[in-house]
Amino acid sequence: MTDVLHDTRAAYDSVAPLYAEKFSDILETLPLERAMLAAFAELVRAADAGPVADLGCGPGHQTAHLHSLGLSAFGIDLSPEMIALARQAQPHLRFDVGTMSALDLADASLGGILASYSVIHTPPPELPAVFGEFHRVLAPGGHLLLGFFAGPDPEPERFDHKVTAAYRWSPDSLMNLLRRAGFAEVARMLREPHENERQFQGGQLLVRKP
């Protein structure tokens, strides 16, 4: 395990209960994110290409939301403490400890991937390999919904996230990496930060594996 993975896991393990308490109902305050999730779910259901993995699922609140939208969804997270909380909160759903860079999933086995702000801690040189892994496990016609902090600069910008170091990306730069990994753009969304959020735009990229 790289130092970044080790540090990220340790950081999220240490804040897991507080994180779960703070973010378990966050979707209720994010109508645009809910709209993107609804569109993602509709596309995944129509393609009928397999289940959906919520990668970096944390305490499982978005996995549960995907389930409520009619998807066969399960969660994977680097943090064992987060997975323990997810299993406690959503005992009817599957949650596994794992890494996005080496998924224990068969080729073309998923109909969809949700990665909601879960690649923000990945060092930029390592992100193409993560997107390649996403492409490997998605079936043709499968969709990926990627959430991220957006910035204006073409180069990724490192910042001090409240949990551990993170990066924000311009949507175009991030989309270029996704295209190189074999994805086609379906839609994108940018929104301004809410009052209690860090003063960065929130971004969503919805892409498809042809």
Protein backbone atom coordinates (compact mmCIF):
# COMPACT_ATOMS: atom_id res chain seq x y z
CA MET A 1 0.00 0.00 0.00
CA THR A 2 1.39 3.42 -0.91
CA ASP A 3 1.95 6.08 1.70
CA VAL A 4 -0.96 8.09 0.28
CA LEU A 5 -3.36 5.17 0.65
CA HIS A 6 -2.12 4.46 4.16
CA ASP A 7 -2.42 8.11 5.23
CA THR A 8 -5.86 8.53 3.64
CA ARG A 9 -7.19 5.37 5.28
CA ALA A 10 -5.83 6.40 8.68
CA ALA A 11 -7.26 9.90 8.34
CA TYR A 12 -10.76 8.71 7.47
CA ASP A 13 -10.68 5.98 10.12
CA SER A 14 -9.97 8.68 12.70
CA VAL A 15 -12.95 10.86 11.73
CA ALA A 16 -15.45 8.17 10.69
CA PRO A 17 -18.12 8.69 13.40
CA LEU A 18 -18.02 12.49 13.06
CA TYR A 19 -18.09 12.25 9.26
CA ALA A 20 -21.10 9.93 9.35
CA GLU A 21 -22.96 12.24 11.73
CA LYS A 22 -22.25 15.33 9.59
CA PHE A 23 -22.90 13.91 6.12
CA SER A 24 -25.52 11.18 6.55
CA ASP A 25 -28.31 13.54 5.41
CA ILE A 26 -26.23 15.83 3.16
CA LEU A 27 -28.18 14.93 0.01
CA GLU A 28 -31.26 16.61 1.45
CA THR A 29 -29.47 19.96 1.00
CA LEU A 30 -28.09 19.23 -2.51
CA PRO A 31 -30.89 19.28 -5.10
CA LEU A 32 -28.55 19.48 -8.09
CA GLU A 33 -26.59 16.44 -6.93
CA ARG A 34 -29.85 14.57 -6.40
CA ALA A 35 -30.86 15.45 -9.95
CA MET A 36 -27.58 14.10 -11.34
CA LEU A 37 -27.97 10.92 -9.29
CA ALA A 38 -31.51 10.48 -10.60
CA ALA A 39 -30.33 10.89 -14.21
CA PHE A 40 -27.46 8.48 -13.58
CA ALA A 41 -29.84 5.92 -12.08
CA GLU A 42 -32.23 6.20 -15.01
CA LEU A 43 -29.43 5.65 -17.53
CA VAL A 44 -28.04 2.69 -15.60
CA ARG A 45 -31.46 1.06 -15.33
CA ALA A 46 -32.08 1.54 -19.06
CA ALA A 47 -28.75 -0.02 -20.03
CA ASP A 48 -29.32 -2.95 -17.63
CA ALA A 49 -25.62 -3.83 -17.74
CA GLY A 50 -25.07 -4.83 -14.11
CA PRO A 51 -24.97 -3.53 -10.53
CA VAL A 52 -23.59 -0.20 -9.35
CA ALA A 53 -20.52 0.27 -7.15
CA ASP A 54 -20.34 3.33 -4.91
CA LEU A 55 -16.56 3.77 -4.74
CA GLY A 56 -15.40 5.70 -1.70
CA CYS A 57 -18.82 5.10 -0.18
CA GLY A 58 -17.93 6.35 3.30
CA PRO A 59 -20.76 5.59 5.75
CA GLY A 60 -23.03 4.43 2.92
CA HIS A 61 -25.63 7.21 2.66
CA GLN A 62 -25.28 7.57 -1.10
CA THR A 63 -25.23 3.81 -1.59
CA ALA A 64 -28.58 3.72 0.19
CA HIS A 65 -29.85 6.55 -2.01
CA LEU A 66 -28.89 4.62 -5.15
CA HIS A 67 -30.76 1.61 -3.76
CA SER A 68 -33.82 3.81 -3.22
CA LEU A 69 -33.63 4.79 -6.89
CA GLY A 70 -34.08 1.17 -7.92
CA LEU A 71 -30.44 0.19 -8.43
CA SER A 72 -28.64 -2.91 -7.22
CA ALA A 73 -25.93 -0.97 -5.39
CA PHE A 74 -23.05 -1.85 -3.10
CA GLY A 75 -20.26 0.20 -1.53
CA ILE A 76 -16.48 0.00 -1.37
CA ASP A 77 -14.27 2.19 0.80
CA LEU A 78 -10.63 2.31 1.82
CA SER A 79 -11.52 2.91 5.49
CA PRO A 80 -12.52 -0.13 7.58
CA GLU A 81 -14.15 2.21 10.12
CA MET A 82 -16.32 3.75 7.42
CA ILE A 83 -17.34 0.31 6.18
CA ALA A 84 -18.25 -0.76 9.72
CA LEU A 85 -20.53 2.28 10.06
CA ALA A 86 -22.08 1.67 6.63
CA ARG A 87 -22.86 -1.94 7.50
CA GLN A 88 -24.42 -0.85 10.78
CA ALA A 89 -26.56 1.84 9.15
CA GLN A 90 -27.55 -0.19 6.07
CA PRO A 91 -27.46 -3.88 7.06
CA HIS A 92 -29.46 -4.87 3.96
CA LEU A 93 -26.72 -3.63 1.61
CA ARG A 94 -23.25 -4.94 0.80
CA PHE A 95 -20.15 -2.98 1.83
CA ASP A 96 -16.53 -4.04 1.33
CA VAL A 97 -13.11 -2.63 2.18
CA GLY A 98 -11.10 -2.02 -0.98
CA THR A 99 -9.11 0.42 -3.08
CA MET A 100 -10.14 2.17 -6.29
CA SER A 101 -6.76 1.49 -7.86
CA ALA A 102 -7.09 -2.30 -7.55
CA LEU A 103 -10.75 -3.29 -7.47
CA ASP A 104 -11.56 -6.89 -6.59
CA LEU A 105 -14.14 -7.00 -9.38
CA ALA A 106 -14.32 -8.88 -12.66
CA ASP A 107 -13.87 -7.16 -16.00
CA ALA A 108 -17.07 -5.57 -17.39
CA SER A 109 -19.04 -6.62 -14.28
CA LEU A 110 -20.66 -3.27 -13.40
CA GLY A 111 -23.45 -1.28 -14.97
CA GLY A 112 -22.47 1.86 -13.12
CA ILE A 113 -19.92 3.53 -10.84
CA LEU A 114 -20.53 6.41 -8.46
CA ALA A 115 -17.32 8.11 -7.33
CA SER A 116 -18.58 11.08 -5.32
CA TYR A 117 -15.60 13.22 -4.25
CA SER A 118 -13.67 9.99 -3.73
CA VAL A 119 -10.85 10.62 -6.22
CA ILE A 120 -9.98 14.03 -4.73
CA HIS A 121 -7.17 12.58 -2.59
CA THR A 122 -5.56 10.70 -5.49
CA PRO A 123 -2.25 12.30 -6.56
CA PRO A 124 -2.67 13.53 -10.15
CA PRO A 125 -0.04 11.20 -11.64
CA GLU A 126 -1.98 8.21 -10.27
CA LEU A 127 -5.42 9.27 -11.46
CA PRO A 128 -5.15 7.87 -15.03
CA ALA A 129 -4.58 4.39 -13.59
CA VAL A 130 -7.66 4.77 -11.37
CA PHE A 131 -9.77 5.79 -14.37
CA GLY A 132 -8.36 2.83 -16.26
CA GLU A 133 -9.53 0.57 -13.46
CA PHE A 134 -13.00 2.15 -13.60
CA HIS A 135 -13.08 1.48 -17.36
CA ARG A 136 -11.99 -2.14 -16.84
CA VAL A 137 -14.79 -3.05 -14.44
CA LEU A 138 -17.59 -1.21 -16.28
CA ALA A 139 -19.55 -3.11 -18.90
CA PRO A 140 -19.99 -1.55 -22.35
CA GLY A 141 -22.83 0.94 -22.03
CA GLY A 142 -22.07 1.43 -18.34
CA HIS A 143 -21.99 4.89 -16.75
CA LEU A 144 -19.69 6.67 -14.30
CA LEU A 145 -20.80 9.66 -12.22
CA LEU A 146 -17.79 11.52 -10.83
CA GLY A 147 -18.03 14.24 -8.18
CA PHE A 148 -15.10 16.61 -7.56
CA PHE A 149 -14.02 20.06 -6.41
CA ALA A 150 -13.68 22.31 -9.43
CA GLY A 151 -11.06 24.96 -10.11
CA PRO A 152 -10.27 27.34 -12.96
CA ASP A 153 -6.68 26.31 -13.63
CA PRO A 154 -5.76 23.69 -16.26
CA GLU A 155 -3.38 22.06 -13.77
CA PRO A 156 -4.77 20.37 -10.64
CA GLU A 157 -4.48 22.44 -7.48
CA ARG A 158 -3.53 20.86 -4.16
CA PHE A 159 -5.35 22.14 -1.08
CA ASP A 160 -5.67 21.30 2.62
CA HIS A 161 -8.85 19.29 2.89
CA LYS A 162 -10.30 18.98 6.41
CA VAL A 163 -9.43 15.25 6.48
CA THR A 164 -6.28 14.95 4.37
CA ALA A 165 -4.59 16.58 1.38
CA ALA A 166 -6.75 16.81 -1.74
CA TYR A 167 -6.85 18.25 -5.26
CA ARG A 168 -9.32 20.25 -7.29
CA TRP A 169 -9.51 20.04 -11.07
CA SER A 170 -10.90 22.02 -13.94
CA PRO A 171 -13.75 20.06 -15.54
CA ASP A 172 -12.02 20.14 -18.92
CA SER A 173 -8.75 18.73 -17.56
CA LEU A 174 -10.55 15.97 -15.70
CA MET A 175 -12.65 15.16 -18.76
CA ASN A 176 -9.51 14.91 -20.88
CA LEU A 177 -8.18 12.22 -18.54
CA LEU A 178 -11.49 10.37 -18.72
CA ARG A 179 -11.45 10.48 -22.54
CA ARG A 180 -7.94 9.03 -22.58
CA ALA A 181 -9.23 6.21 -20.38
CA GLY A 182 -11.92 5.45 -22.97
CA PHE A 183 -14.96 7.33 -21.68
CA ALA A 184 -17.37 9.57 -23.59
CA GLU A 185 -18.98 12.59 -21.96
CA VAL A 186 -22.73 12.54 -21.39
CA ALA A 187 -23.25 15.61 -19.18
CA ARG A 188 -21.58 17.90 -16.68
CA MET A 189 -22.75 20.14 -13.85
CA LEU A 190 -21.07 22.92 -11.89
CA ARG A 191 -22.58 24.64 -8.90
CA GLU A 192 -21.48 27.41 -6.58
CA PRO A 193 -20.63 26.50 -2.98
CA HIS A 194 -23.28 26.65 -0.32
CA GLU A 195 -22.92 28.93 2.69
CA ASN A 196 -21.38 26.29 4.96
CA GLU A 197 -19.10 24.72 2.35
CA ARG A 198 -15.50 25.38 1.41
CA GLN A 199 -15.47 28.15 -1.19
CA PHE A 200 -14.90 25.87 -4.16
CA GLN A 201 -17.33 25.02 -6.92
CA GLY A 202 -18.76 21.51 -6.87
CA GLY A 203 -18.50 19.56 -10.11
CA GLN A 204 -20.15 16.48 -11.57
CA LEU A 205 -19.12 14.64 -14.72
CA LEU A 206 -21.40 11.94 -16.13
CA VAL A 207 -19.60 9.72 -18.63
CA ARG A 208 -20.24 6.49 -20.48
CA LYS A 209 -18.15 3.53 -21.55
CA PRO A 210 -19.00 3.03 -25.27
